Structures are given as C-alpha cells and as structure tokens.
Amino acid sequence: MKTTLLVGAILCALLSTGIKASAQHNEIYRSGADLFSCGTKLTSGQVYELLSGVDEATFVKWDKARSGFKTGKGLLIGSGVLTGAGLVTLGVGVTGMMLEGVAMGIGSIFVVPLAAVTGEIPDISPSGRYTAAATAGLIITGAGLLGLAAGTTVFCVSKHRMNKIVSGYNKTLLSFGIQQHGAGISLVF
C-alpha cells in the first residue's frame, strides 16, 4: 500500500510538472527579421536566451542569417530603384535617338533642294547626346539587374536559414508526464 501511494505521488508530481513544462515552451514564429512568441516581439536578449538553450551556435547562426536577410532586402530595394532609373534613362536615350533620326530624315528632304540651289551640302549627322544617354541607361540597367540577382540570392538563402532555425527550435521539446506510450520524460527534436 505504501509503495502504491509513493508511485501515485510520483506520477502526480510528474504529471503536474509536465503540464507546467509543456506550458513554458511557447512556439516562436518569424515575421521579417524578427521573432515573435505569443504575439509579442522578442528582444535580442530574449532571442539569445531561447536559442542558446537549444545550442550555443544557434544564436550566432540566427544573427548571421538575420543580417543576411536585411542585407538582401536592402540590395533588392536599392537595385530595384537603380534598375528603374536605368530603364528611364535608356528610354529617354532611345526616344531621343529615334526623334533625331526622324528629324534627319525629314531634314534631308529639305537639304536636297537647298543643295541644288546653293551648291553647298549641309552636314546632317546625329549629335551623339542621346547615344550616350542610351549607353548610360543600358549600363545602369545592367548593374541594377545584377544587384537584383545578388539581392534575391542573399535574401532567399538567409530567409531559408532563419526558417530552418525557427522550425528547429519549435521541434525541440522536453516534457514530463503522460506521453504517447505511457508516463515519463520525453525529448522531441
């Protein structure tokens, strides 16, 4: 009878402890470069405490991935602006070259009778201003597209690493109490 009471008391203690231990492990989720738990944004110190409990190197990995995420996002925004500016410059240059060509074509119609009367042939040639603008626009657009490619790569890789760390944390769970196959201690990772 004493043994049964002792085992019963131990099981009650394990079950009550298990409820508290399971309740303390809150899942975290990521939104952007920040971590949240129960709808509250976690500070850097809280993230350090949570992730250091899993593995000392996990916080360092998180910090690097978070930095890469922010860098990739900045590259995407900056390169997008650069690409847009390059496309506008390219458009202005190409439009100017087209208008200059049309003007030269129309001007040549008037030059032929003028040359026949005066004997002088005026020089009608492109100025080159629009060619330089089109070339600059092409170079700027190319640089912007390269930046977009680099930013997308850094952003996606860092986002994947952050998601992997969060899911790894959420899978790690130490609980006491009633488990799938009886009562005891369970470590899920």
N, C-alpha and C. Protein backbone atom coordinates (compact mmCIF):
# COMPACT_ATOMS: atom_id res chain seq x y z
N MET A 1 0.81 -1.18 0.00
CA MET A 1 0.00 0.00 0.00
C MET A 1 0.86 1.25 0.00
N LYS A 2 1.96 1.24 0.80
CA LYS A 2 2.85 2.39 0.83
C LYS A 2 3.52 2.58 -0.53
N THR A 3 3.88 1.48 -1.17
CA THR A 3 4.52 1.56 -2.48
C THR A 3 3.57 2.15 -3.51
N THR A 4 2.31 1.75 -3.45
CA THR A 4 1.31 2.25 -4.39
C THR A 4 1.10 3.75 -4.19
N LEU A 5 1.07 4.19 -2.93
CA LEU A 5 0.93 5.61 -2.65
C LEU A 5 2.14 6.40 -3.13
N LEU A 6 3.34 5.84 -2.93
CA LEU A 6 4.56 6.50 -3.37
C LEU A 6 4.59 6.63 -4.89
N VAL A 7 4.27 5.56 -5.59
CA VAL A 7 4.24 5.59 -7.06
C VAL A 7 3.17 6.57 -7.54
N GLY A 8 2.02 6.56 -6.88
CA GLY A 8 0.94 7.50 -7.22
C GLY A 8 1.37 8.94 -7.02
N ALA A 9 2.07 9.21 -5.91
CA ALA A 9 2.53 10.57 -5.63
C ALA A 9 3.56 11.01 -6.67
N ILE A 10 4.46 10.10 -7.04
CA ILE A 10 5.48 10.42 -8.05
C ILE A 10 4.81 10.70 -9.39
N LEU A 11 3.83 9.87 -9.77
CA LEU A 11 3.13 10.08 -11.04
C LEU A 11 2.38 11.41 -11.03
N CYS A 12 1.74 11.74 -9.89
CA CYS A 12 1.05 13.03 -9.79
C CYS A 12 2.03 14.19 -9.92
N ALA A 13 3.20 14.04 -9.28
CA ALA A 13 4.22 15.09 -9.38
C ALA A 13 4.71 15.23 -10.82
N LEU A 14 4.94 14.09 -11.48
CA LEU A 14 5.39 14.14 -12.88
C LEU A 14 4.33 14.77 -13.77
N LEU A 15 3.09 14.40 -13.56
CA LEU A 15 2.02 14.95 -14.39
C LEU A 15 1.87 16.45 -14.18
N SER A 16 1.91 16.89 -12.92
CA SER A 16 1.77 18.33 -12.67
C SER A 16 2.98 19.09 -13.18
N THR A 17 4.17 18.51 -13.05
CA THR A 17 5.37 19.14 -13.58
C THR A 17 5.32 19.17 -15.10
N GLY A 18 4.81 18.11 -15.68
CA GLY A 18 4.72 18.02 -17.14
C GLY A 18 3.82 19.08 -17.72
N ILE A 19 2.75 19.38 -17.05
CA ILE A 19 1.84 20.41 -17.54
C ILE A 19 2.54 21.77 -17.52
N LYS A 20 3.29 22.05 -16.46
CA LYS A 20 4.00 23.32 -16.37
C LYS A 20 5.12 23.38 -17.40
N ALA A 21 5.87 22.31 -17.58
CA ALA A 21 6.99 22.31 -18.51
C ALA A 21 6.51 22.46 -19.94
N SER A 22 5.41 21.84 -20.28
CA SER A 22 4.89 21.96 -21.62
C SER A 22 4.33 23.36 -21.86
N ALA A 23 3.77 23.97 -20.83
CA ALA A 23 3.20 25.30 -20.99
C ALA A 23 4.29 26.35 -21.14
N GLN A 24 5.48 26.10 -20.60
CA GLN A 24 6.55 27.08 -20.70
C GLN A 24 7.16 27.11 -22.09
N HIS A 25 7.06 26.06 -22.85
CA HIS A 25 7.65 26.02 -24.18
C HIS A 25 6.65 26.61 -25.17
N ASN A 26 6.83 27.88 -25.48
CA ASN A 26 5.96 28.54 -26.45
C ASN A 26 6.63 28.48 -27.82
N GLU A 27 5.85 28.18 -28.81
CA GLU A 27 6.39 28.18 -30.15
C GLU A 27 6.69 29.62 -30.56
N ILE A 28 7.72 29.77 -31.36
CA ILE A 28 8.08 31.08 -31.88
C ILE A 28 7.79 31.09 -33.38
N TYR A 29 7.60 32.28 -33.90
CA TYR A 29 7.43 32.41 -35.34
C TYR A 29 8.16 33.66 -35.80
N ARG A 30 8.48 33.65 -37.08
CA ARG A 30 9.27 34.73 -37.66
C ARG A 30 8.38 35.60 -38.54
N SER A 31 8.57 36.88 -38.44
CA SER A 31 7.92 37.83 -39.33
C SER A 31 8.99 38.83 -39.73
N GLY A 32 9.39 38.78 -40.99
CA GLY A 32 10.51 39.62 -41.43
C GLY A 32 11.78 39.11 -40.78
N ALA A 33 12.51 40.02 -40.14
CA ALA A 33 13.76 39.63 -39.49
C ALA A 33 13.59 39.51 -37.98
N ASP A 34 12.35 39.54 -37.50
CA ASP A 34 12.09 39.50 -36.06
C ASP A 34 11.41 38.20 -35.66
N LEU A 35 11.61 37.82 -34.39
CA LEU A 35 10.95 36.65 -33.84
C LEU A 35 9.84 37.08 -32.89
N PHE A 36 8.77 36.31 -32.90
CA PHE A 36 7.62 36.59 -32.05
C PHE A 36 7.24 35.33 -31.29
N SER A 37 6.72 35.53 -30.09
CA SER A 37 6.18 34.44 -29.29
C SER A 37 4.91 34.95 -28.63
N CYS A 38 3.83 34.24 -28.84
CA CYS A 38 2.52 34.64 -28.30
C CYS A 38 2.15 36.06 -28.71
N GLY A 39 2.49 36.45 -29.92
CA GLY A 39 2.13 37.77 -30.44
C GLY A 39 3.02 38.90 -29.97
N THR A 40 4.06 38.60 -29.20
CA THR A 40 4.96 39.62 -28.68
C THR A 40 6.31 39.52 -29.37
N LYS A 41 6.81 40.66 -29.83
CA LYS A 41 8.13 40.69 -30.46
C LYS A 41 9.20 40.44 -29.41
N LEU A 42 10.10 39.51 -29.70
CA LEU A 42 11.16 39.17 -28.76
C LEU A 42 12.35 40.11 -28.94
N THR A 43 12.93 40.52 -27.82
CA THR A 43 14.13 41.35 -27.87
C THR A 43 15.33 40.48 -28.21
N SER A 44 16.44 41.12 -28.49
CA SER A 44 17.65 40.38 -28.83
C SER A 44 18.10 39.49 -27.67
N GLY A 45 17.96 40.00 -26.46
CA GLY A 45 18.32 39.21 -25.27
C GLY A 45 17.44 37.99 -25.11
N GLN A 46 16.14 38.15 -25.35
CA GLN A 46 15.21 37.02 -25.25
C GLN A 46 15.51 35.97 -26.33
N VAL A 47 15.84 36.43 -27.53
CA VAL A 47 16.18 35.50 -28.61
C VAL A 47 17.45 34.75 -28.25
N TYR A 48 18.42 35.47 -27.66
CA TYR A 48 19.66 34.82 -27.25
C TYR A 48 19.38 33.72 -26.22
N GLU A 49 18.55 34.03 -25.23
CA GLU A 49 18.22 33.04 -24.19
C GLU A 49 17.51 31.83 -24.78
N LEU A 50 16.55 32.07 -25.67
CA LEU A 50 15.81 30.96 -26.28
C LEU A 50 16.70 30.07 -27.13
N LEU A 51 17.46 30.70 -28.02
CA LEU A 51 18.25 29.91 -28.97
C LEU A 51 19.50 29.32 -28.34
N SER A 52 20.05 29.97 -27.32
CA SER A 52 21.22 29.42 -26.64
C SER A 52 20.85 28.19 -25.83
N GLY A 53 19.59 28.10 -25.43
CA GLY A 53 19.13 26.91 -24.71
C GLY A 53 19.12 25.69 -25.61
N VAL A 54 18.95 25.89 -26.91
CA VAL A 54 18.95 24.78 -27.86
C VAL A 54 20.39 24.39 -28.19
N ASP A 55 21.20 25.38 -28.53
CA ASP A 55 22.58 25.15 -28.94
C ASP A 55 23.29 26.50 -28.91
N GLU A 56 24.51 26.55 -28.41
CA GLU A 56 25.23 27.81 -28.30
C GLU A 56 25.44 28.46 -29.66
N ALA A 57 25.70 27.67 -30.69
CA ALA A 57 25.98 28.22 -32.01
C ALA A 57 24.72 28.67 -32.74
N THR A 58 23.55 28.29 -32.26
CA THR A 58 22.31 28.62 -32.96
C THR A 58 22.06 30.12 -32.98
N PHE A 59 22.36 30.82 -31.89
CA PHE A 59 22.14 32.27 -31.88
C PHE A 59 23.08 32.95 -32.86
N VAL A 60 24.31 32.49 -32.96
CA VAL A 60 25.26 33.08 -33.91
C VAL A 60 24.76 32.84 -35.34
N LYS A 61 24.24 31.64 -35.61
CA LYS A 61 23.68 31.35 -36.93
C LYS A 61 22.47 32.24 -37.20
N TRP A 62 21.62 32.41 -36.18
CA TRP A 62 20.45 33.27 -36.33
C TRP A 62 20.88 34.71 -36.64
N ASP A 63 21.86 35.20 -35.90
CA ASP A 63 22.31 36.57 -36.09
C ASP A 63 22.87 36.78 -37.50
N LYS A 64 23.65 35.82 -38.00
CA LYS A 64 24.20 35.92 -39.36
C LYS A 64 23.09 35.85 -40.40
N ALA A 65 22.14 34.94 -40.21
CA ALA A 65 21.04 34.82 -41.16
C ALA A 65 20.18 36.08 -41.15
N ARG A 66 19.95 36.64 -39.98
CA ARG A 66 19.15 37.87 -39.86
C ARG A 66 19.86 39.03 -40.55
N SER A 67 21.17 39.13 -40.38
CA SER A 67 21.95 40.17 -41.04
C SER A 67 21.90 40.00 -42.56
N GLY A 68 22.04 38.75 -43.02
CA GLY A 68 21.95 38.48 -44.46
C GLY A 68 20.57 38.81 -45.01
N PHE A 69 19.54 38.52 -44.24
CA PHE A 69 18.16 38.82 -44.65
C PHE A 69 17.99 40.32 -44.87
N LYS A 70 18.48 41.11 -43.91
CA LYS A 70 18.37 42.56 -44.02
C LYS A 70 19.22 43.09 -45.18
N THR A 71 20.41 42.53 -45.37
CA THR A 71 21.27 42.95 -46.48
C THR A 71 20.61 42.63 -47.81
N GLY A 72 20.06 41.43 -47.94
CA GLY A 72 19.39 41.04 -49.18
C GLY A 72 18.19 41.92 -49.47
N LYS A 73 17.44 42.26 -48.44
CA LYS A 73 16.29 43.14 -48.62
C LYS A 73 16.74 44.53 -49.07
N GLY A 74 17.81 45.03 -48.48
CA GLY A 74 18.36 46.33 -48.89
C GLY A 74 18.86 46.30 -50.33
N LEU A 75 19.53 45.21 -50.69
CA LEU A 75 20.00 45.06 -52.07
C LEU A 75 18.83 45.03 -53.05
N LEU A 76 17.78 44.33 -52.70
CA LEU A 76 16.60 44.27 -53.57
C LEU A 76 15.99 45.66 -53.77
N ILE A 77 15.84 46.40 -52.70
CA ILE A 77 15.24 47.73 -52.80
C ILE A 77 16.15 48.67 -53.60
N GLY A 78 17.42 48.73 -53.23
CA GLY A 78 18.36 49.62 -53.91
C GLY A 78 18.55 49.27 -55.38
N SER A 79 18.66 47.99 -55.67
CA SER A 79 18.85 47.56 -57.06
C SER A 79 17.59 47.76 -57.88
N GLY A 80 16.44 47.64 -57.24
CA GLY A 80 15.19 47.91 -57.95
C GLY A 80 15.09 49.36 -58.36
N VAL A 81 15.49 50.26 -57.46
CA VAL A 81 15.50 51.70 -57.78
C VAL A 81 16.51 51.98 -58.89
N LEU A 82 17.69 51.37 -58.79
CA LEU A 82 18.73 51.56 -59.80
C LEU A 82 18.27 51.05 -61.17
N THR A 83 17.63 49.89 -61.19
CA THR A 83 17.12 49.34 -62.44
C THR A 83 16.05 50.26 -63.03
N GLY A 84 15.17 50.77 -62.21
CA GLY A 84 14.14 51.69 -62.69
C GLY A 84 14.74 52.96 -63.28
N ALA A 85 15.72 53.52 -62.60
CA ALA A 85 16.39 54.73 -63.11
C ALA A 85 17.10 54.43 -64.43
N GLY A 86 17.72 53.26 -64.50
CA GLY A 86 18.40 52.88 -65.75
C GLY A 86 17.43 52.71 -66.90
N LEU A 87 16.27 52.12 -66.61
CA LEU A 87 15.27 51.95 -67.67
C LEU A 87 14.72 53.29 -68.15
N VAL A 88 14.53 54.24 -67.24
CA VAL A 88 14.07 55.57 -67.64
C VAL A 88 15.13 56.25 -68.50
N THR A 89 16.38 56.19 -68.07
CA THR A 89 17.47 56.79 -68.84
C THR A 89 17.61 56.14 -70.20
N LEU A 90 17.51 54.83 -70.24
CA LEU A 90 17.57 54.11 -71.52
C LEU A 90 16.42 54.53 -72.43
N GLY A 91 15.23 54.65 -71.86
CA GLY A 91 14.07 55.07 -72.64
C GLY A 91 14.23 56.47 -73.21
N VAL A 92 14.76 57.39 -72.41
CA VAL A 92 15.00 58.76 -72.89
C VAL A 92 16.03 58.75 -74.02
N GLY A 93 17.11 57.99 -73.84
CA GLY A 93 18.15 57.92 -74.87
C GLY A 93 17.64 57.34 -76.17
N VAL A 94 16.91 56.24 -76.09
CA VAL A 94 16.39 55.59 -77.30
C VAL A 94 15.36 56.49 -77.98
N THR A 95 14.49 57.11 -77.21
CA THR A 95 13.49 58.01 -77.79
C THR A 95 14.18 59.19 -78.47
N GLY A 96 15.19 59.75 -77.83
CA GLY A 96 15.94 60.85 -78.43
C GLY A 96 16.62 60.44 -79.72
N MET A 97 17.20 59.24 -79.73
CA MET A 97 17.84 58.76 -80.96
C MET A 97 16.82 58.59 -82.08
N MET A 98 15.64 58.08 -81.73
CA MET A 98 14.60 57.90 -82.74
C MET A 98 14.13 59.25 -83.28
N LEU A 99 13.90 60.21 -82.40
CA LEU A 99 13.45 61.53 -82.84
C LEU A 99 14.53 62.22 -83.68
N GLU A 100 15.76 62.06 -83.28
CA GLU A 100 16.87 62.63 -84.04
C GLU A 100 16.94 62.01 -85.43
N GLY A 101 16.72 60.70 -85.52
CA GLY A 101 16.72 60.03 -86.82
C GLY A 101 15.58 60.50 -87.71
N VAL A 102 14.40 60.67 -87.12
CA VAL A 102 13.26 61.18 -87.88
C VAL A 102 13.54 62.60 -88.36
N ALA A 103 14.10 63.41 -87.48
CA ALA A 103 14.42 64.80 -87.85
C ALA A 103 15.46 64.82 -88.97
N MET A 104 16.44 63.93 -88.93
CA MET A 104 17.44 63.88 -90.00
C MET A 104 16.79 63.44 -91.31
N GLY A 105 15.87 62.49 -91.22
CA GLY A 105 15.18 62.04 -92.44
C GLY A 105 14.35 63.15 -93.04
N ILE A 106 13.60 63.86 -92.21
CA ILE A 106 12.77 64.96 -92.71
C ILE A 106 13.67 66.10 -93.20
N GLY A 107 14.75 66.35 -92.48
CA GLY A 107 15.67 67.43 -92.87
C GLY A 107 16.34 67.15 -94.21
N SER A 108 16.62 65.89 -94.49
CA SER A 108 17.28 65.58 -95.77
C SER A 108 16.38 65.89 -96.96
N ILE A 109 15.06 65.86 -96.74
CA ILE A 109 14.14 66.21 -97.82
C ILE A 109 14.32 67.68 -98.20
N PHE A 110 14.58 68.55 -97.22
CA PHE A 110 14.77 69.97 -97.50
C PHE A 110 16.20 70.29 -97.91
N VAL A 111 17.14 69.43 -97.57
CA VAL A 111 18.55 69.69 -97.87
C VAL A 111 18.81 69.52 -99.37
N VAL A 112 18.17 68.56 -100.01
CA VAL A 112 18.43 68.28 -101.43
C VAL A 112 18.10 69.51 -102.30
N PRO A 113 16.91 70.11 -102.16
CA PRO A 113 16.67 71.31 -102.98
C PRO A 113 17.59 72.47 -102.61
N LEU A 114 17.91 72.60 -101.31
CA LEU A 114 18.80 73.67 -100.86
C LEU A 114 20.19 73.47 -101.43
N ALA A 115 20.67 72.26 -101.47
CA ALA A 115 21.99 71.96 -102.03
C ALA A 115 22.00 72.21 -103.53
N ALA A 116 20.90 71.95 -104.19
CA ALA A 116 20.84 72.18 -105.64
C ALA A 116 20.89 73.67 -105.95
N VAL A 117 20.28 74.50 -105.12
CA VAL A 117 20.24 75.94 -105.36
C VAL A 117 21.55 76.59 -104.97
N THR A 118 22.09 76.27 -103.79
CA THR A 118 23.28 76.95 -103.27
C THR A 118 24.57 76.24 -103.65
N GLY A 119 24.52 74.98 -103.85
CA GLY A 119 25.72 74.23 -104.16
C GLY A 119 26.44 73.72 -102.92
N GLU A 120 25.98 74.10 -101.76
CA GLU A 120 26.58 73.63 -100.52
C GLU A 120 25.74 72.50 -99.94
N ILE A 121 26.43 71.53 -99.39
CA ILE A 121 25.74 70.41 -98.75
C ILE A 121 25.94 70.56 -97.24
N PRO A 122 24.85 70.86 -96.48
CA PRO A 122 25.00 70.99 -95.03
C PRO A 122 25.25 69.63 -94.38
N ASP A 123 25.93 69.69 -93.26
CA ASP A 123 26.26 68.45 -92.52
C ASP A 123 25.10 68.08 -91.62
N ILE A 124 24.44 66.99 -91.93
CA ILE A 124 23.35 66.48 -91.09
C ILE A 124 23.84 65.15 -90.52
N SER A 125 24.15 65.19 -89.23
CA SER A 125 24.61 63.96 -88.57
C SER A 125 24.08 63.96 -87.14
N PRO A 126 23.99 62.78 -86.56
CA PRO A 126 23.48 62.72 -85.18
C PRO A 126 24.45 63.39 -84.21
N SER A 127 23.87 63.98 -83.16
CA SER A 127 24.70 64.73 -82.21
C SER A 127 25.46 63.81 -81.25
N GLY A 128 24.94 62.65 -80.94
CA GLY A 128 25.61 61.73 -80.02
C GLY A 128 25.17 61.88 -78.57
N ARG A 129 24.41 62.94 -78.29
CA ARG A 129 23.95 63.13 -76.91
C ARG A 129 23.03 61.99 -76.47
N TYR A 130 22.15 61.61 -77.34
CA TYR A 130 21.20 60.56 -76.99
C TYR A 130 21.83 59.18 -77.01
N THR A 131 22.84 59.01 -77.82
CA THR A 131 23.56 57.74 -77.82
C THR A 131 24.25 57.53 -76.47
N ALA A 132 24.83 58.59 -75.93
CA ALA A 132 25.49 58.50 -74.62
C ALA A 132 24.46 58.21 -73.53
N ALA A 133 23.27 58.84 -73.62
CA ALA A 133 22.22 58.60 -72.63
C ALA A 133 21.73 57.15 -72.72
N ALA A 134 21.56 56.63 -73.93
CA ALA A 134 21.11 55.25 -74.10
C ALA A 134 22.16 54.27 -73.58
N THR A 135 23.43 54.56 -73.84
CA THR A 135 24.51 53.69 -73.34
C THR A 135 24.57 53.72 -71.81
N ALA A 136 24.46 54.91 -71.24
CA ALA A 136 24.47 55.03 -69.77
C ALA A 136 23.26 54.29 -69.17
N GLY A 137 22.10 54.44 -69.79
CA GLY A 137 20.90 53.75 -69.31
C GLY A 137 21.05 52.24 -69.38
N LEU A 138 21.68 51.76 -70.44
CA LEU A 138 21.92 50.32 -70.58
C LEU A 138 22.87 49.81 -69.50
N ILE A 139 23.90 50.55 -69.22
CA ILE A 139 24.87 50.15 -68.18
C ILE A 139 24.22 50.17 -66.79
N ILE A 140 23.45 51.23 -66.51
CA ILE A 140 22.79 51.34 -65.21
C ILE A 140 21.76 50.22 -65.03
N THR A 141 21.00 49.93 -66.07
CA THR A 141 20.02 48.85 -66.00
C THR A 141 20.71 47.51 -65.77
N GLY A 142 21.82 47.28 -66.46
CA GLY A 142 22.57 46.03 -66.26
C GLY A 142 23.09 45.89 -64.84
N ALA A 143 23.62 46.99 -64.29
CA ALA A 143 24.10 46.95 -62.90
C ALA A 143 22.95 46.70 -61.93
N GLY A 144 21.81 47.31 -62.20
CA GLY A 144 20.64 47.09 -61.35
C GLY A 144 20.15 45.66 -61.39
N LEU A 145 20.16 45.07 -62.58
CA LEU A 145 19.73 43.67 -62.70
C LEU A 145 20.69 42.72 -62.00
N LEU A 146 21.99 43.00 -62.08
CA LEU A 146 22.96 42.18 -61.33
C LEU A 146 22.74 42.30 -59.83
N GLY A 147 22.45 43.52 -59.37
CA GLY A 147 22.16 43.73 -57.96
C GLY A 147 20.89 43.01 -57.53
N LEU A 148 19.87 43.00 -58.40
CA LEU A 148 18.64 42.27 -58.09
C LEU A 148 18.90 40.77 -57.98
N ALA A 149 19.74 40.25 -58.85
CA ALA A 149 20.06 38.82 -58.79
C ALA A 149 20.80 38.49 -57.50
N ALA A 150 21.78 39.33 -57.14
CA ALA A 150 22.54 39.09 -55.91
C ALA A 150 21.64 39.26 -54.68
N GLY A 151 20.82 40.29 -54.67
CA GLY A 151 19.92 40.53 -53.55
C GLY A 151 18.91 39.42 -53.36
N THR A 152 18.38 38.91 -54.47
CA THR A 152 17.42 37.80 -54.39
C THR A 152 18.08 36.56 -53.80
N THR A 153 19.29 36.28 -54.23
CA THR A 153 20.01 35.11 -53.72
C THR A 153 20.27 35.23 -52.22
N VAL A 154 20.81 36.36 -51.80
CA VAL A 154 21.13 36.57 -50.37
C VAL A 154 19.84 36.54 -49.54
N PHE A 155 18.80 37.19 -50.03
CA PHE A 155 17.52 37.26 -49.32
C PHE A 155 16.92 35.87 -49.14
N CYS A 156 16.85 35.10 -50.22
CA CYS A 156 16.21 33.78 -50.16
C CYS A 156 17.00 32.79 -49.31
N VAL A 157 18.33 32.79 -49.45
CA VAL A 157 19.15 31.87 -48.65
C VAL A 157 19.04 32.21 -47.17
N SER A 158 19.11 33.49 -46.83
CA SER A 158 19.01 33.90 -45.43
C SER A 158 17.63 33.61 -44.85
N LYS A 159 16.59 33.82 -45.65
CA LYS A 159 15.23 33.53 -45.20
C LYS A 159 15.07 32.03 -44.92
N HIS A 160 15.63 31.20 -45.80
CA HIS A 160 15.56 29.75 -45.59
C HIS A 160 16.28 29.35 -44.30
N ARG A 161 17.45 29.93 -44.07
CA ARG A 161 18.20 29.61 -42.85
C ARG A 161 17.45 30.05 -41.60
N MET A 162 16.82 31.22 -41.65
CA MET A 162 16.05 31.68 -40.49
C MET A 162 14.86 30.76 -40.23
N ASN A 163 14.16 30.37 -41.28
CA ASN A 163 13.01 29.47 -41.13
C ASN A 163 13.45 28.12 -40.57
N LYS A 164 14.62 27.65 -40.99
CA LYS A 164 15.14 26.37 -40.51
C LYS A 164 15.45 26.44 -39.01
N ILE A 165 16.02 27.55 -38.56
CA ILE A 165 16.34 27.72 -37.14
C ILE A 165 15.05 27.77 -36.32
N VAL A 166 14.04 28.50 -36.80
CA VAL A 166 12.77 28.61 -36.08
C VAL A 166 12.08 27.26 -36.00
N SER A 167 12.04 26.53 -37.11
CA SER A 167 11.38 25.22 -37.07
C SER A 167 12.17 24.24 -36.22
N GLY A 168 13.49 24.36 -36.19
CA GLY A 168 14.31 23.51 -35.33
C GLY A 168 14.04 23.78 -33.86
N TYR A 169 13.86 25.05 -33.52
CA TYR A 169 13.54 25.40 -32.13
C TYR A 169 12.16 24.86 -31.76
N ASN A 170 11.21 25.04 -32.63
CA ASN A 170 9.84 24.61 -32.34
C ASN A 170 9.71 23.11 -32.23
N LYS A 171 10.62 22.36 -32.86
CA LYS A 171 10.57 20.89 -32.78
C LYS A 171 11.19 20.38 -31.49
N THR A 172 12.08 21.16 -30.88
CA THR A 172 12.74 20.72 -29.65
C THR A 172 11.79 20.95 -28.48
N LEU A 173 11.46 19.87 -27.80
CA LEU A 173 10.51 19.97 -26.69
C LEU A 173 10.84 18.91 -25.65
N LEU A 174 11.04 19.35 -24.42
CA LEU A 174 11.24 18.45 -23.29
C LEU A 174 10.00 18.50 -22.44
N SER A 175 9.34 17.37 -22.28
CA SER A 175 8.11 17.36 -21.49
C SER A 175 8.11 16.18 -20.53
N PHE A 176 7.44 16.38 -19.41
CA PHE A 176 7.29 15.36 -18.39
C PHE A 176 5.80 15.04 -18.29
N GLY A 177 5.49 13.81 -18.02
CA GLY A 177 4.08 13.48 -17.80
C GLY A 177 3.63 12.37 -18.72
N ILE A 178 2.36 12.41 -19.07
CA ILE A 178 1.79 11.37 -19.92
C ILE A 178 2.28 11.58 -21.34
N GLN A 179 2.87 10.54 -21.88
CA GLN A 179 3.40 10.58 -23.24
C GLN A 179 2.57 9.65 -24.12
N GLN A 180 3.00 9.45 -25.34
CA GLN A 180 2.28 8.61 -26.29
C GLN A 180 2.19 7.17 -25.81
N HIS A 181 3.27 6.65 -25.22
CA HIS A 181 3.31 5.25 -24.80
C HIS A 181 3.36 5.09 -23.28
N GLY A 182 2.86 6.06 -22.54
CA GLY A 182 2.86 5.94 -21.08
C GLY A 182 3.30 7.23 -20.43
N ALA A 183 3.68 7.18 -19.17
CA ALA A 183 4.11 8.36 -18.42
C ALA A 183 5.63 8.37 -18.35
N GLY A 184 6.21 9.59 -18.37
CA GLY A 184 7.66 9.69 -18.27
C GLY A 184 8.16 11.00 -18.82
N ILE A 185 9.42 10.99 -19.23
CA ILE A 185 10.09 12.17 -19.77
C ILE A 185 10.23 11.95 -21.27
N SER A 186 9.97 13.01 -22.04
CA SER A 186 10.07 12.92 -23.49
C SER A 186 10.87 14.10 -24.01
N LEU A 187 11.84 13.83 -24.87
CA LEU A 187 12.61 14.87 -25.53
C LEU A 187 12.38 14.71 -27.02
N VAL A 188 11.71 15.67 -27.62
CA VAL A 188 11.41 15.64 -29.04
C VAL A 188 12.25 16.68 -29.73
N PHE A 189 13.00 16.26 -30.75
CA PHE A 189 13.79 17.21 -31.53
C PHE A 189 13.87 16.79 -32.96
